[in-house]
Amino acid sequence: MSDWIYYYEDNKQTALKRINNMALSNGYSRELNCWVNKYLDPFSVARTIAEERRRSLDPFSRIRMEAEKDLEFTLLRANKKDRNNCDIIFFESNLLLMFNLMLKHIRTA
């Protein structure tokens, strides 16, 4: 495996550990775990892009929109305490940033 795959796998594992160490509701934590496993896994994203290439002219734009929507939907499982936590807002922003950086890397590879 190339170095960038190790880097993004490490990002995924770090995000999962952080979710498990944060004081979040069970439902919200579960949804965030699902999002991370789907969108921060370089193999899963590459597979999704390959499938989308058959259906879409711009698979990268489509998967980016899906990731953003899915991250917004995770908030439906968040309780009031989860939504008022500043750390989780920054964490979600970082999740999206990590996803976009990985997507850009896959696009240029």
PDB file of N, CA and C in Angstrom:
ATOM      1  N   MET A   1       0.841  -1.187   0.000  1.00  0.00           N
ATOM      2  CA  MET A   1       0.000   0.000   0.000  1.00  0.00           C
ATOM      3  C   MET A   1       0.880   1.242   0.000  1.00  0.00           C
ATOM      4  N   SER A   2       0.385   2.255  -0.647  1.00  0.00           N
ATOM      5  CA  SER A   2       1.157   3.491  -0.698  1.00  0.00           C
ATOM      6  C   SER A   2       1.021   4.268   0.612  1.00  0.00           C
ATOM      7  N   ASP A   3       1.920   5.210   0.791  1.00  0.00           N
ATOM      8  CA  ASP A   3       1.957   5.991   2.032  1.00  0.00           C
ATOM      9  C   ASP A   3       0.675   6.781   2.255  1.00  0.00           C
ATOM     10  N   TRP A   4       0.078   7.286   1.182  1.00  0.00           N
ATOM     11  CA  TRP A   4      -1.116   8.104   1.379  1.00  0.00           C
ATOM     12  C   TRP A   4      -2.279   7.267   1.892  1.00  0.00           C
ATOM     13  N   ILE A   5      -2.328   5.999   1.521  1.00  0.00           N
ATOM     14  CA  ILE A   5      -3.398   5.136   2.032  1.00  0.00           C
ATOM     15  C   ILE A   5      -3.221   4.924   3.528  1.00  0.00           C
ATOM     16  N   TYR A   6      -1.978   4.695   3.963  1.00  0.00           N
ATOM     17  CA  TYR A   6      -1.715   4.569   5.402  1.00  0.00           C
ATOM     18  C   TYR A   6      -2.122   5.839   6.138  1.00  0.00           C
ATOM     19  N   TYR A   7      -1.825   6.975   5.535  1.00  0.00           N
ATOM     20  CA  TYR A   7      -2.159   8.266   6.151  1.00  0.00           C
ATOM     21  C   TYR A   7      -3.671   8.400   6.342  1.00  0.00           C
ATOM     22  N   TYR A   8      -4.442   8.096   5.315  1.00  0.00           N
ATOM     23  CA  TYR A   8      -5.894   8.244   5.408  1.00  0.00           C
ATOM     24  C   TYR A   8      -6.525   7.162   6.285  1.00  0.00           C
ATOM     25  N   GLU A   9      -5.941   5.978   6.300  1.00  0.00           N
ATOM     26  CA  GLU A   9      -6.414   4.943   7.231  1.00  0.00           C
ATOM     27  C   GLU A   9      -6.167   5.384   8.672  1.00  0.00           C
ATOM     28  N   ASP A  10      -5.023   6.015   8.909  1.00  0.00           N
ATOM     29  CA  ASP A  10      -4.716   6.530  10.246  1.00  0.00           C
ATOM     30  C   ASP A  10      -5.700   7.634  10.636  1.00  0.00           C
ATOM     31  N   ASN A  11      -6.031   8.510   9.694  1.00  0.00           N
ATOM     32  CA  ASN A  11      -7.037   9.551   9.954  1.00  0.00           C
ATOM     33  C   ASN A  11      -8.365   8.927  10.361  1.00  0.00           C
ATOM     34  N   LYS A  12      -8.750   7.879   9.657  1.00  0.00           N
ATOM     35  CA  LYS A  12     -10.011   7.198   9.956  1.00  0.00           C
ATOM     36  C   LYS A  12      -9.981   6.611  11.364  1.00  0.00           C
ATOM     37  N   GLN A  13      -8.912   5.909  11.698  1.00  0.00           N
ATOM     38  CA  GLN A  13      -8.805   5.296  13.029  1.00  0.00           C
ATOM     39  C   GLN A  13      -8.782   6.348  14.131  1.00  0.00           C
ATOM     40  N   THR A  14      -8.095   7.458  13.889  1.00  0.00           N
ATOM     41  CA  THR A  14      -8.053   8.547  14.868  1.00  0.00           C
ATOM     42  C   THR A  14      -9.444   9.137  15.079  1.00  0.00           C
ATOM     43  N   ALA A  15     -10.186   9.318  13.991  1.00  0.00           N
ATOM     44  CA  ALA A  15     -11.549   9.854  14.095  1.00  0.00           C
ATOM     45  C   ALA A  15     -12.446   8.903  14.882  1.00  0.00           C
ATOM     46  N   LEU A  16     -12.329   7.611  14.624  1.00  0.00           N
ATOM     47  CA  LEU A  16     -13.146   6.633  15.346  1.00  0.00           C
ATOM     48  C   LEU A  16     -12.818   6.627  16.841  1.00  0.00           C
ATOM     49  N   LYS A  17     -11.540   6.717  17.163  1.00  0.00           N
ATOM     50  CA  LYS A  17     -11.140   6.774  18.578  1.00  0.00           C
ATOM     51  C   LYS A  17     -11.685   8.029  19.240  1.00  0.00           C
ATOM     52  N   ARG A  18     -11.615   9.135  18.516  1.00  0.00           N
ATOM     53  CA  ARG A  18     -12.104  10.404  19.072  1.00  0.00           C
ATOM     54  C   ARG A  18     -13.608  10.332  19.340  1.00  0.00           C
ATOM     55  N   ILE A  19     -14.351   9.752  18.421  1.00  0.00           N
ATOM     56  CA  ILE A  19     -15.801   9.606  18.613  1.00  0.00           C
ATOM     57  C   ILE A  19     -16.083   8.775  19.861  1.00  0.00           C
ATOM     58  N   ASN A  20     -15.345   7.693  20.018  1.00  0.00           N
ATOM     59  CA  ASN A  20     -15.562   6.820  21.174  1.00  0.00           C
ATOM     60  C   ASN A  20     -15.185   7.488  22.488  1.00  0.00           C
ATOM     61  N   ASN A  21     -14.271   8.458  22.441  1.00  0.00           N
ATOM     62  CA  ASN A  21     -13.837   9.141  23.662  1.00  0.00           C
ATOM     63  C   ASN A  21     -14.645  10.395  23.981  1.00  0.00           C
ATOM     64  N   MET A  22     -15.504  10.813  23.068  1.00  0.00           N
ATOM     65  CA  MET A  22     -16.328  11.996  23.313  1.00  0.00           C
ATOM     66  C   MET A  22     -17.614  11.579  24.028  1.00  0.00           C
ATOM     67  N   ALA A  23     -18.114  12.470  24.833  1.00  0.00           N
ATOM     68  CA  ALA A  23     -19.364  12.195  25.561  1.00  0.00           C
ATOM     69  C   ALA A  23     -20.549  12.516  24.652  1.00  0.00           C
ATOM     70  N   LEU A  24     -20.879  11.572  23.789  1.00  0.00           N
ATOM     71  CA  LEU A  24     -21.969  11.750  22.829  1.00  0.00           C
ATOM     72  C   LEU A  24     -23.063  10.734  23.113  1.00  0.00           C
ATOM     73  N   SER A  25     -24.269  11.053  22.671  1.00  0.00           N
ATOM     74  CA  SER A  25     -25.363  10.092  22.806  1.00  0.00           C
ATOM     75  C   SER A  25     -25.054   8.864  21.944  1.00  0.00           C
ATOM     76  N   ASN A  26     -25.636   7.740  22.315  1.00  0.00           N
ATOM     77  CA  ASN A  26     -25.362   6.484  21.604  1.00  0.00           C
ATOM     78  C   ASN A  26     -25.748   6.553  20.131  1.00  0.00           C
ATOM     79  N   GLY A  27     -26.924   7.102  19.844  1.00  0.00           N
ATOM     80  CA  GLY A  27     -27.381   7.178  18.460  1.00  0.00           C
ATOM     81  C   GLY A  27     -26.495   8.054  17.601  1.00  0.00           C
ATOM     82  N   TYR A  28     -26.121   9.196  18.135  1.00  0.00           N
ATOM     83  CA  TYR A  28     -25.269  10.122  17.391  1.00  0.00           C
ATOM     84  C   TYR A  28     -23.878   9.529  17.185  1.00  0.00           C
ATOM     85  N   SER A  29     -23.353   8.916  18.219  1.00  0.00           N
ATOM     86  CA  SER A  29     -22.044   8.271  18.127  1.00  0.00           C
ATOM     87  C   SER A  29     -22.058   7.175  17.066  1.00  0.00           C
ATOM     88  N   ARG A  30     -23.115   6.383  17.044  1.00  0.00           N
ATOM     89  CA  ARG A  30     -23.251   5.306  16.063  1.00  0.00           C
ATOM     90  C   ARG A  30     -23.312   5.873  14.638  1.00  0.00           C
ATOM     91  N   GLU A  31     -24.077   6.947  14.451  1.00  0.00           N
ATOM     92  CA  GLU A  31     -24.185   7.560  13.124  1.00  0.00           C
ATOM     93  C   GLU A  31     -22.849   8.143  12.659  1.00  0.00           C
ATOM     94  N   LEU A  32     -22.127   8.789  13.577  1.00  0.00           N
ATOM     95  CA  LEU A  32     -20.809   9.324  13.221  1.00  0.00           C
ATOM     96  C   LEU A  32     -19.843   8.199  12.863  1.00  0.00           C
ATOM     97  N   ASN A  33     -19.895   7.101  13.609  1.00  0.00           N
ATOM     98  CA  ASN A  33     -19.050   5.942  13.287  1.00  0.00           C
ATOM     99  C   ASN A  33     -19.346   5.426  11.884  1.00  0.00           C
ATOM    100  N   CYS A  34     -20.617   5.330  11.541  1.00  0.00           N
ATOM    101  CA  CYS A  34     -21.006   4.876  10.199  1.00  0.00           C
ATOM    102  C   CYS A  34     -20.489   5.830   9.132  1.00  0.00           C
ATOM    103  N   TRP A  35     -20.616   7.135   9.391  1.00  0.00           N
ATOM    104  CA  TRP A  35     -20.150   8.130   8.425  1.00  0.00           C
ATOM    105  C   TRP A  35     -18.642   7.996   8.219  1.00  0.00           C
ATOM    106  N   VAL A  36     -17.904   7.895   9.296  1.00  0.00           N
ATOM    107  CA  VAL A  36     -16.442   7.775   9.200  1.00  0.00           C
ATOM    108  C   VAL A  36     -16.057   6.510   8.444  1.00  0.00           C
ATOM    109  N   ASN A  37     -16.707   5.395   8.750  1.00  0.00           N
ATOM    110  CA  ASN A  37     -16.374   4.140   8.067  1.00  0.00           C
ATOM    111  C   ASN A  37     -16.718   4.175   6.584  1.00  0.00           C
ATOM    112  N   LYS A  38     -17.689   4.977   6.215  1.00  0.00           N
ATOM    113  CA  LYS A  38     -18.066   5.069   4.805  1.00  0.00           C
ATOM    114  C   LYS A  38     -17.236   6.104   4.050  1.00  0.00           C
ATOM    115  N   TYR A  39     -17.017   7.267   4.645  1.00  0.00           N
ATOM    116  CA  TYR A  39     -16.423   8.372   3.898  1.00  0.00           C
ATOM    117  C   TYR A  39     -14.962   8.669   4.222  1.00  0.00           C
ATOM    118  N   LEU A  40     -14.407   8.097   5.266  1.00  0.00           N
ATOM    119  CA  LEU A  40     -12.982   8.302   5.535  1.00  0.00           C
ATOM    120  C   LEU A  40     -12.165   7.045   5.249  1.00  0.00           C
ATOM    121  N   ASP A  41     -12.803   6.046   4.685  1.00  0.00           N
ATOM    122  CA  ASP A  41     -12.108   4.827   4.276  1.00  0.00           C
ATOM    123  C   ASP A  41     -11.727   4.980   2.800  1.00  0.00           C
ATOM    124  N   PRO A  42     -10.423   5.065   2.497  1.00  0.00           N
ATOM    125  CA  PRO A  42     -10.027   5.304   1.101  1.00  0.00           C
ATOM    126  C   PRO A  42     -10.491   4.207   0.146  1.00  0.00           C
ATOM    127  N   PHE A  43     -10.568   2.967   0.619  1.00  0.00           N
ATOM    128  CA  PHE A  43     -11.010   1.872  -0.245  1.00  0.00           C
ATOM    129  C   PHE A  43     -12.501   1.983  -0.550  1.00  0.00           C
ATOM    130  N   SER A  44     -13.282   2.321   0.448  1.00  0.00           N
ATOM    131  CA  SER A  44     -14.721   2.487   0.269  1.00  0.00           C
ATOM    132  C   SER A  44     -15.020   3.647  -0.681  1.00  0.00           C
ATOM    133  N   VAL A  45     -14.318   4.749  -0.496  1.00  0.00           N
ATOM    134  CA  VAL A  45     -14.536   5.926  -1.352  1.00  0.00           C
ATOM    135  C   VAL A  45     -14.116   5.621  -2.787  1.00  0.00           C
ATOM    136  N   ALA A  46     -12.974   4.967  -2.966  1.00  0.00           N
ATOM    137  CA  ALA A  46     -12.510   4.625  -4.318  1.00  0.00           C
ATOM    138  C   ALA A  46     -13.498   3.686  -5.008  1.00  0.00           C
ATOM    139  N   ARG A  47     -14.043   2.740  -4.251  1.00  0.00           N
ATOM    140  CA  ARG A  47     -15.032   1.806  -4.806  1.00  0.00           C
ATOM    141  C   ARG A  47     -16.305   2.555  -5.212  1.00  0.00           C
ATOM    142  N   THR A  48     -16.742   3.479  -4.372  1.00  0.00           N
ATOM    143  CA  THR A  48     -17.938   4.266  -4.674  1.00  0.00           C
ATOM    144  C   THR A  48     -17.719   5.128  -5.912  1.00  0.00           C
ATOM    145  N   ILE A  49     -16.543   5.714  -6.029  1.00  0.00           N
ATOM    146  CA  ILE A  49     -16.228   6.538  -7.207  1.00  0.00           C
ATOM    147  C   ILE A  49     -16.252   5.681  -8.467  1.00  0.00           C
ATOM    148  N   ALA A  50     -15.681   4.487  -8.395  1.00  0.00           N
ATOM    149  CA  ALA A  50     -15.678   3.590  -9.556  1.00  0.00           C
ATOM    150  C   ALA A  50     -17.106   3.243  -9.979  1.00  0.00           C
ATOM    151  N   GLU A  51     -17.987   3.010  -9.015  1.00  0.00           N
ATOM    152  CA  GLU A  51     -19.390   2.714  -9.334  1.00  0.00           C
ATOM    153  C   GLU A  51     -20.091   3.937  -9.913  1.00  0.00           C
ATOM    154  N   GLU A  52     -19.804   5.109  -9.351  1.00  0.00           N
ATOM    155  CA  GLU A  52     -20.454   6.345  -9.807  1.00  0.00           C
ATOM    156  C   GLU A  52     -19.991   6.760 -11.198  1.00  0.00           C
ATOM    157  N   ARG A  53     -18.787   6.375 -11.588  1.00  0.00           N
ATOM    158  CA  ARG A  53     -18.278   6.744 -12.918  1.00  0.00           C
ATOM    159  C   ARG A  53     -19.175   6.201 -14.024  1.00  0.00           C
ATOM    160  N   ARG A  54     -19.822   5.090 -13.761  1.00  0.00           N
ATOM    161  CA  ARG A  54     -20.723   4.501 -14.761  1.00  0.00           C
ATOM    162  C   ARG A  54     -22.018   5.288 -14.892  1.00  0.00           C
ATOM    163  N   ARG A  55     -22.405   5.975 -13.800  1.00  0.00           N
ATOM    164  CA  ARG A  55     -23.704   6.660 -13.771  1.00  0.00           C
ATOM    165  C   ARG A  55     -23.617   8.173 -13.891  1.00  0.00           C
ATOM    166  N   SER A  56     -22.463   8.737 -13.600  1.00  0.00           N
ATOM    167  CA  SER A  56     -22.370  10.193 -13.505  1.00  0.00           C
ATOM    168  C   SER A  56     -21.141  10.708 -14.245  1.00  0.00           C
ATOM    169  N   LEU A  57     -21.277  11.898 -14.803  1.00  0.00           N
ATOM    170  CA  LEU A  57     -20.134  12.518 -15.468  1.00  0.00           C
ATOM    171  C   LEU A  57     -19.116  13.045 -14.465  1.00  0.00           C
ATOM    172  N   ASP A  58     -19.588  13.432 -13.297  1.00  0.00           N
ATOM    173  CA  ASP A  58     -18.698  13.951 -12.258  1.00  0.00           C
ATOM    174  C   ASP A  58     -18.936  13.197 -10.944  1.00  0.00           C
ATOM    175  N   PRO A  59     -18.337  12.018 -10.806  1.00  0.00           N
ATOM    176  CA  PRO A  59     -18.579  11.221  -9.599  1.00  0.00           C
ATOM    177  C   PRO A  59     -18.031  11.881  -8.332  1.00  0.00           C
ATOM    178  N   PHE A  60     -16.996  12.698  -8.472  1.00  0.00           N
ATOM    179  CA  PHE A  60     -16.398  13.338  -7.298  1.00  0.00           C
ATOM    180  C   PHE A  60     -17.344  14.363  -6.684  1.00  0.00           C
ATOM    181  N   SER A  61     -17.995  15.125  -7.529  1.00  0.00           N
ATOM    182  CA  SER A  61     -18.959  16.107  -7.039  1.00  0.00           C
ATOM    183  C   SER A  61     -20.139  15.407  -6.368  1.00  0.00           C
ATOM    184  N   ARG A  62     -20.574  14.341  -6.972  1.00  0.00           N
ATOM    185  CA  ARG A  62     -21.729  13.608  -6.426  1.00  0.00           C
ATOM    186  C   ARG A  62     -21.417  12.993  -5.064  1.00  0.00           C
ATOM    187  N   ILE A  63     -20.264  12.365  -4.924  1.00  0.00           N
ATOM    188  CA  ILE A  63     -19.934  11.752  -3.640  1.00  0.00           C
ATOM    189  C   ILE A  63     -19.668  12.823  -2.583  1.00  0.00           C
ATOM    190  N   ARG A  64     -19.144  13.962  -2.994  1.00  0.00           N
ATOM    191  CA  ARG A  64     -18.937  15.066  -2.044  1.00  0.00           C
ATOM    192  C   ARG A  64     -20.276  15.555  -1.498  1.00  0.00           C
ATOM    193  N   MET A  65     -21.253  15.717  -2.385  1.00  0.00           N
ATOM    194  CA  MET A  65     -22.582  16.150  -1.947  1.00  0.00           C
ATOM    195  C   MET A  65     -23.226  15.111  -1.031  1.00  0.00           C
ATOM    196  N   GLU A  66     -23.072  13.841  -1.363  1.00  0.00           N
ATOM    197  CA  GLU A  66     -23.632  12.778  -0.526  1.00  0.00           C
ATOM    198  C   GLU A  66     -22.993  12.777   0.859  1.00  0.00           C
ATOM    199  N   ALA A  67     -21.689  12.971   0.910  1.00  0.00           N
ATOM    200  CA  ALA A  67     -20.986  12.987   2.202  1.00  0.00           C
ATOM    201  C   ALA A  67     -21.468  14.152   3.057  1.00  0.00           C
ATOM    202  N   GLU A  68     -21.620  15.318   2.441  1.00  0.00           N
ATOM    203  CA  GLU A  68     -22.098  16.487   3.187  1.00  0.00           C
ATOM    204  C   GLU A  68     -23.514  16.260   3.703  1.00  0.00           C
ATOM    205  N   LYS A  69     -24.382  15.714   2.842  1.00  0.00           N
ATOM    206  CA  LYS A  69     -25.761  15.441   3.256  1.00  0.00           C
ATOM    207  C   LYS A  69     -25.814  14.406   4.368  1.00  0.00           C
ATOM    208  N   ASP A  70     -25.044  13.344   4.211  1.00  0.00           N
ATOM    209  CA  ASP A  70     -25.040  12.294   5.231  1.00  0.00           C
ATOM    210  C   ASP A  70     -24.529  12.810   6.569  1.00  0.00           C
ATOM    211  N   LEU A  71     -23.537  13.693   6.541  1.00  0.00           N
ATOM    212  CA  LEU A  71     -23.039  14.262   7.794  1.00  0.00           C
ATOM    213  C   LEU A  71     -24.107  15.148   8.435  1.00  0.00           C
ATOM    214  N   GLU A  72     -24.856  15.872   7.611  1.00  0.00           N
ATOM    215  CA  GLU A  72     -25.962  16.671   8.146  1.00  0.00           C
ATOM    216  C   GLU A  72     -27.041  15.769   8.753  1.00  0.00           C
ATOM    217  N   PHE A  73     -27.301  14.633   8.126  1.00  0.00           N
ATOM    218  CA  PHE A  73     -28.315  13.714   8.644  1.00  0.00           C
ATOM    219  C   PHE A  73     -27.901  13.071   9.962  1.00  0.00           C
ATOM    220  N   THR A  74     -26.605  12.985  10.225  1.00  0.00           N
ATOM    221  CA  THR A  74     -26.178  12.428  11.517  1.00  0.00           C
ATOM    222  C   THR A  74     -26.689  13.294  12.657  1.00  0.00           C
ATOM    223  N   LEU A  75     -26.876  14.584  12.391  1.00  0.00           N
ATOM    224  CA  LEU A  75     -27.373  15.490  13.431  1.00  0.00           C
ATOM    225  C   LEU A  75     -28.786  15.149  13.878  1.00  0.00           C
ATOM    226  N   LEU A  76     -29.529  14.456  13.045  1.00  0.00           N
ATOM    227  CA  LEU A  76     -30.881  14.057  13.439  1.00  0.00           C
ATOM    228  C   LEU A  76     -30.857  13.114  14.634  1.00  0.00           C
ATOM    229  N   ARG A  77     -29.767  12.403  14.813  1.00  0.00           N
ATOM    230  CA  ARG A  77     -29.627  11.481  15.937  1.00  0.00           C
ATOM    231  C   ARG A  77     -28.997  12.145  17.166  1.00  0.00           C
ATOM    232  N   ALA A  78     -28.582  13.399  17.013  1.00  0.00           N
ATOM    233  CA  ALA A  78     -27.937  14.107  18.125  1.00  0.00           C
ATOM    234  C   ALA A  78     -28.989  14.661  19.080  1.00  0.00           C
ATOM    235  N   ASN A  79     -28.693  14.584  20.361  1.00  0.00           N
ATOM    236  CA  ASN A  79     -29.597  15.195  21.332  1.00  0.00           C
ATOM    237  C   ASN A  79     -29.172  16.650  21.564  1.00  0.00           C
ATOM    238  N   LYS A  80     -29.880  17.344  22.428  1.00  0.00           N
ATOM    239  CA  LYS A  80     -29.611  18.770  22.654  1.00  0.00           C
ATOM    240  C   LYS A  80     -28.189  18.991  23.173  1.00  0.00           C
ATOM    241  N   LYS A  81     -27.735  18.127  24.056  1.00  0.00           N
ATOM    242  CA  LYS A  81     -26.381  18.259  24.604  1.00  0.00           C
ATOM    243  C   LYS A  81     -25.333  18.112  23.499  1.00  0.00           C
ATOM    244  N   ASP A  82     -25.551  17.147  22.589  1.00  0.00           N
ATOM    245  CA  ASP A  82     -24.625  16.952  21.469  1.00  0.00           C
ATOM    246  C   ASP A  82     -24.561  18.192  20.585  1.00  0.00           C
ATOM    247  N   ARG A  83     -25.718  18.780  20.304  1.00  0.00           N
ATOM    248  CA  ARG A  83     -25.780  19.926  19.396  1.00  0.00           C
ATOM    249  C   ARG A  83     -25.167  21.187  19.985  1.00  0.00           C
ATOM    250  N   ASN A  84     -25.141  21.292  21.306  1.00  0.00           N
ATOM    251  CA  ASN A  84     -24.599  22.488  21.949  1.00  0.00           C
ATOM    252  C   ASN A  84     -23.115  22.374  22.279  1.00  0.00           C
ATOM    253  N   ASN A  85     -22.484  21.296  21.888  1.00  0.00           N
ATOM    254  CA  ASN A  85     -21.075  21.066  22.171  1.00  0.00           C
ATOM    255  C   ASN A  85     -20.222  21.693  21.066  1.00  0.00           C
ATOM    256  N   CYS A  86     -19.430  22.703  21.413  1.00  0.00           N
ATOM    257  CA  CYS A  86     -18.576  23.379  20.420  1.00  0.00           C
ATOM    258  C   CYS A  86     -17.546  22.424  19.823  1.00  0.00           C
ATOM    259  N   ASP A  87     -17.035  21.509  20.648  1.00  0.00           N
ATOM    260  CA  ASP A  87     -16.020  20.573  20.160  1.00  0.00           C
ATOM    261  C   ASP A  87     -16.547  19.713  19.023  1.00  0.00           C
ATOM    262  N   ILE A  88     -17.800  19.310  19.104  1.00  0.00           N
ATOM    263  CA  ILE A  88     -18.344  18.441  18.064  1.00  0.00           C
ATOM    264  C   ILE A  88     -18.526  19.214  16.755  1.00  0.00           C
ATOM    265  N   ILE A  89     -18.823  20.496  16.849  1.00  0.00           N
ATOM    266  CA  ILE A  89     -18.952  21.318  15.635  1.00  0.00           C
ATOM    267  C   ILE A  89     -17.614  21.386  14.909  1.00  0.00           C
ATOM    268  N   PHE A  90     -16.548  21.627  15.664  1.00  0.00           N
ATOM    269  CA  PHE A  90     -15.213  21.657  15.063  1.00  0.00           C
ATOM    270  C   PHE A  90     -14.811  20.274  14.557  1.00  0.00           C
ATOM    271  N   PHE A  91     -15.169  19.251  15.305  1.00  0.00           N
ATOM    272  CA  PHE A  91     -14.835  17.884  14.904  1.00  0.00           C
ATOM    273  C   PHE A  91     -15.513  17.531  13.582  1.00  0.00           C
ATOM    274  N   GLU A  92     -16.794  17.866  13.444  1.00  0.00           N
ATOM    275  CA  GLU A  92     -17.497  17.586  12.185  1.00  0.00           C
ATOM    276  C   GLU A  92     -16.867  18.350  11.024  1.00  0.00           C
ATOM    277  N   SER A  93     -16.447  19.579  11.276  1.00  0.00           N
ATOM    278  CA  SER A  93     -15.762  20.352  10.234  1.00  0.00           C
ATOM    279  C   SER A  93     -14.472  19.663   9.823  1.00  0.00           C
ATOM    280  N   ASN A  94     -13.750  19.146  10.810  1.00  0.00           N
ATOM    281  CA  ASN A  94     -12.507  18.437  10.505  1.00  0.00           C
ATOM    282  C   ASN A  94     -12.764  17.138   9.754  1.00  0.00           C
ATOM    283  N   LEU A  95     -13.847  16.450  10.091  1.00  0.00           N
ATOM    284  CA  LEU A  95     -14.199  15.233   9.356  1.00  0.00           C
ATOM    285  C   LEU A  95     -14.424  15.550   7.882  1.00  0.00           C
ATOM    286  N   LEU A  96     -15.172  16.603   7.635  1.00  0.00           N
ATOM    287  CA  LEU A  96     -15.446  16.991   6.253  1.00  0.00           C
ATOM    288  C   LEU A  96     -14.169  17.435   5.543  1.00  0.00           C
ATOM    289  N   LEU A  97     -13.304  18.135   6.245  1.00  0.00           N
ATOM    290  CA  LEU A  97     -12.024  18.547   5.665  1.00  0.00           C
ATOM    291  C   LEU A  97     -11.175  17.329   5.310  1.00  0.00           C
ATOM    292  N   MET A  98     -11.087  16.357   6.220  1.00  0.00           N
ATOM    293  CA  MET A  98     -10.310  15.143   5.939  1.00  0.00           C
ATOM    294  C   MET A  98     -10.877  14.407   4.733  1.00  0.00           C
ATOM    295  N   PHE A  99     -12.210  14.352   4.646  1.00  0.00           N
ATOM    296  CA  PHE A  99     -12.838  13.697   3.501  1.00  0.00           C
ATOM    297  C   PHE A  99     -12.490  14.426   2.204  1.00  0.00           C
ATOM    298  N   ASN A 100     -12.605  15.750   2.198  1.00  0.00           N
ATOM    299  CA  ASN A 100     -12.322  16.514   0.982  1.00  0.00           C
ATOM    300  C   ASN A 100     -10.864  16.401   0.560  1.00  0.00           C
ATOM    301  N   LEU A 101      -9.951  16.367   1.523  1.00  0.00           N
ATOM    302  CA  LEU A 101      -8.533  16.189   1.189  1.00  0.00           C
ATOM    303  C   LEU A 101      -8.284  14.811   0.585  1.00  0.00           C
ATOM    304  N   MET A 102      -8.912  13.793   1.150  1.00  0.00           N
ATOM    305  CA  MET A 102      -8.754  12.445   0.612  1.00  0.00           C
ATOM    306  C   MET A 102      -9.360  12.357  -0.789  1.00  0.00           C
ATOM    307  N   LEU A 103     -10.518  12.954  -0.972  1.00  0.00           N
ATOM    308  CA  LEU A 103     -11.171  12.938  -2.278  1.00  0.00           C
ATOM    309  C   LEU A 103     -10.306  13.635  -3.324  1.00  0.00           C
ATOM    310  N   LYS A 104      -9.711  14.747  -2.943  1.00  0.00           N
ATOM    311  CA  LYS A 104      -8.815  15.469  -3.859  1.00  0.00           C
ATOM    312  C   LYS A 104      -7.610  14.605  -4.213  1.00  0.00           C
ATOM    313  N   HIS A 105      -7.068  13.904  -3.219  1.00  0.00           N
ATOM    314  CA  HIS A 105      -5.919  13.036  -3.467  1.00  0.00           C
ATOM    315  C   HIS A 105      -6.296  11.891  -4.409  1.00  0.00           C
ATOM    316  N   ILE A 106      -7.453  11.294  -4.193  1.00  0.00           N
ATOM    317  CA  ILE A 106      -7.904  10.203  -5.066  1.00  0.00           C
ATOM    318  C   ILE A 106      -8.115  10.726  -6.484  1.00  0.00           C
ATOM    319  N   ARG A 107      -8.649  11.910  -6.595  1.00  0.00           N
ATOM    320  CA  ARG A 107      -8.909  12.499  -7.916  1.00  0.00           C
ATOM    321  C   ARG A 107      -7.614  12.725  -8.693  1.00  0.00           C
ATOM    322  N   THR A 108      -6.572  13.158  -8.002  1.00  0.00           N
ATOM    323  CA  THR A 108      -5.304  13.444  -8.684  1.00  0.00           C
ATOM    324  C   THR A 108      -4.431  12.207  -8.854  1.00  0.00           C
ATOM    325  N   ALA A 109      -4.764  11.122  -8.154  1.00  0.00           N
ATOM    326  CA  ALA A 109      -3.935   9.895  -8.241  1.00  0.00           C
ATOM    327  C   ALA A 109      -4.220   9.134  -9.521  1.00  0.00           C
TER     328      ALA A 109
END
